[in-house]
Amino acid sequence: MFPKQNHNTMMVFLNLLIKPLWLFIEIELQNKVGIEHYGLYFALFNLILNMILDAGIVNFNNKEIARNPQPVVLLYI
């Protein structure tokens, strides 16, 4: 759909646009709920998010490396 370079540029731009907003939201949340509750929220949120996202990444990597056993670095250029 998009050329690879344009897609990467768009992703970097969106990342730079969203990260500062997310940072301010997280800081405000931590200040409102307190350090202890925020720590529990952060640990559970990351655990659940990593469980959901990791399954797709591991399956993709296994499939791509098995299909094309060239050095892994070349797959992500």
C-alpha atoms as a PDB file:
ATOM      1  CA  MET A   1       0.000   0.000   0.000  1.00  0.00           C
ATOM      2  CA  PHE A   2       2.624   2.553   1.111  1.00  0.00           C
ATOM      3  CA  PRO A   3       6.282   2.480   0.126  1.00  0.00           C
ATOM      4  CA  LYS A   4       8.392   1.221   3.015  1.00  0.00           C
ATOM      5  CA  GLN A   5      10.203   4.538   3.530  1.00  0.00           C
ATOM      6  CA  ASN A   6       6.972   6.555   3.680  1.00  0.00           C
ATOM      7  CA  HIS A   7       5.419   4.064   6.066  1.00  0.00           C
ATOM      8  CA  ASN A   8       8.417   4.237   8.415  1.00  0.00           C
ATOM      9  CA  THR A   9       8.413   8.024   8.307  1.00  0.00           C
ATOM     10  CA  MET A  10       4.708   8.109   9.116  1.00  0.00           C
ATOM     11  CA  MET A  11       5.187   5.721  12.043  1.00  0.00           C
ATOM     12  CA  VAL A  12       8.031   7.808  13.486  1.00  0.00           C
ATOM     13  CA  PHE A  13       5.974  10.981  13.110  1.00  0.00           C
ATOM     14  CA  LEU A  14       2.935   9.436  14.831  1.00  0.00           C
ATOM     15  CA  ASN A  15       5.140   8.048  17.589  1.00  0.00           C
ATOM     16  CA  LEU A  16       6.687  11.480  18.230  1.00  0.00           C
ATOM     17  CA  LEU A  17       3.217  13.017  18.238  1.00  0.00           C
ATOM     18  CA  ILE A  18       1.627  10.554  20.670  1.00  0.00           C
ATOM     19  CA  LYS A  19       4.458   9.824  23.146  1.00  0.00           C
ATOM     20  CA  PRO A  20       4.524  13.263  24.839  1.00  0.00           C
ATOM     21  CA  LEU A  21       0.743  13.199  25.272  1.00  0.00           C
ATOM     22  CA  TRP A  22       0.901   9.698  26.751  1.00  0.00           C
ATOM     23  CA  LEU A  23       3.700  10.783  29.095  1.00  0.00           C
ATOM     24  CA  PHE A  24       1.665  13.685  30.486  1.00  0.00           C
ATOM     25  CA  ILE A  25      -1.378  11.419  30.982  1.00  0.00           C
ATOM     26  CA  GLU A  26       0.727   8.839  32.841  1.00  0.00           C
ATOM     27  CA  ILE A  27       2.317  11.470  35.101  1.00  0.00           C
ATOM     28  CA  GLU A  28      -1.087  12.953  35.938  1.00  0.00           C
ATOM     29  CA  LEU A  29      -2.491   9.494  36.687  1.00  0.00           C
ATOM     30  CA  GLN A  30       0.439   8.705  38.974  1.00  0.00           C
ATOM     31  CA  ASN A  31      -0.036  11.963  40.866  1.00  0.00           C
ATOM     32  CA  LYS A  32      -3.773  11.339  41.359  1.00  0.00           C
ATOM     33  CA  VAL A  33      -3.766   7.692  42.458  1.00  0.00           C
ATOM     34  CA  GLY A  34      -0.508   7.583  44.407  1.00  0.00           C
ATOM     35  CA  ILE A  35       2.716   5.710  43.910  1.00  0.00           C
ATOM     36  CA  GLU A  36       1.599   2.348  45.353  1.00  0.00           C
ATOM     37  CA  HIS A  37      -1.595   2.065  43.314  1.00  0.00           C
ATOM     38  CA  TYR A  38       0.113   3.313  40.189  1.00  0.00           C
ATOM     39  CA  GLY A  39       2.833   0.681  40.585  1.00  0.00           C
ATOM     40  CA  LEU A  40       0.219  -2.079  40.766  1.00  0.00           C
ATOM     41  CA  TYR A  41      -1.630  -0.650  37.748  1.00  0.00           C
ATOM     42  CA  PHE A  42       1.603  -0.367  35.767  1.00  0.00           C
ATOM     43  CA  ALA A  43       2.695  -3.924  36.573  1.00  0.00           C
ATOM     44  CA  LEU A  44      -0.669  -5.482  35.705  1.00  0.00           C
ATOM     45  CA  PHE A  45      -1.163  -3.357  32.602  1.00  0.00           C
ATOM     46  CA  ASN A  46       2.280  -4.251  31.256  1.00  0.00           C
ATOM     47  CA  LEU A  47       1.848  -7.927  32.062  1.00  0.00           C
ATOM     48  CA  ILE A  48      -1.473  -8.145  30.227  1.00  0.00           C
ATOM     49  CA  LEU A  49      -0.307  -5.988  27.323  1.00  0.00           C
ATOM     50  CA  ASN A  50       2.905  -7.987  26.886  1.00  0.00           C
ATOM     51  CA  MET A  51       0.991 -11.266  26.945  1.00  0.00           C
ATOM     52  CA  ILE A  52      -1.311 -10.041  24.185  1.00  0.00           C
ATOM     53  CA  LEU A  53       1.352  -8.420  21.993  1.00  0.00           C
ATOM     54  CA  ASP A  54       4.153 -10.926  22.502  1.00  0.00           C
ATOM     55  CA  ALA A  55       2.259 -13.864  21.021  1.00  0.00           C
ATOM     56  CA  GLY A  56       2.022 -12.180  17.637  1.00  0.00           C
ATOM     57  CA  ILE A  57       5.655 -11.082  17.562  1.00  0.00           C
ATOM     58  CA  VAL A  58       7.000 -14.494  18.545  1.00  0.00           C
ATOM     59  CA  ASN A  59       4.868 -16.273  15.936  1.00  0.00           C
ATOM     60  CA  PHE A  60       5.882 -13.808  13.226  1.00  0.00           C
ATOM     61  CA  ASN A  61       9.580 -14.085  14.038  1.00  0.00           C
ATOM     62  CA  ASN A  62       9.502 -17.878  14.162  1.00  0.00           C
ATOM     63  CA  LYS A  63       7.718 -18.093  10.822  1.00  0.00           C
ATOM     64  CA  GLU A  64       9.981 -15.581   9.065  1.00  0.00           C
ATOM     65  CA  ILE A  65      13.228 -17.048  10.384  1.00  0.00           C
ATOM     66  CA  ALA A  66      12.145 -20.589   9.506  1.00  0.00           C
ATOM     67  CA  ARG A  67      11.122 -19.483   6.012  1.00  0.00           C
ATOM     68  CA  ASN A  68      14.257 -17.455   5.334  1.00  0.00           C
ATOM     69  CA  PRO A  69      17.250 -18.392   7.519  1.00  0.00           C
ATOM     70  CA  GLN A  70      19.378 -15.405   6.517  1.00  0.00           C
ATOM     71  CA  PRO A  71      20.807 -13.349   9.376  1.00  0.00           C
ATOM     72  CA  VAL A  72      18.018 -11.910  11.481  1.00  0.00           C
ATOM     73  CA  VAL A  73      19.333  -8.355  11.146  1.00  0.00           C
ATOM     74  CA  LEU A  74      18.547  -8.353   7.424  1.00  0.00           C
ATOM     75  CA  LEU A  75      14.867  -9.111   8.097  1.00  0.00           C
ATOM     76  CA  TYR A  76      14.354  -5.781   9.865  1.00  0.00           C
ATOM     77  CA  ILE A  77      16.141  -3.385   7.521  1.00  0.00           C
END
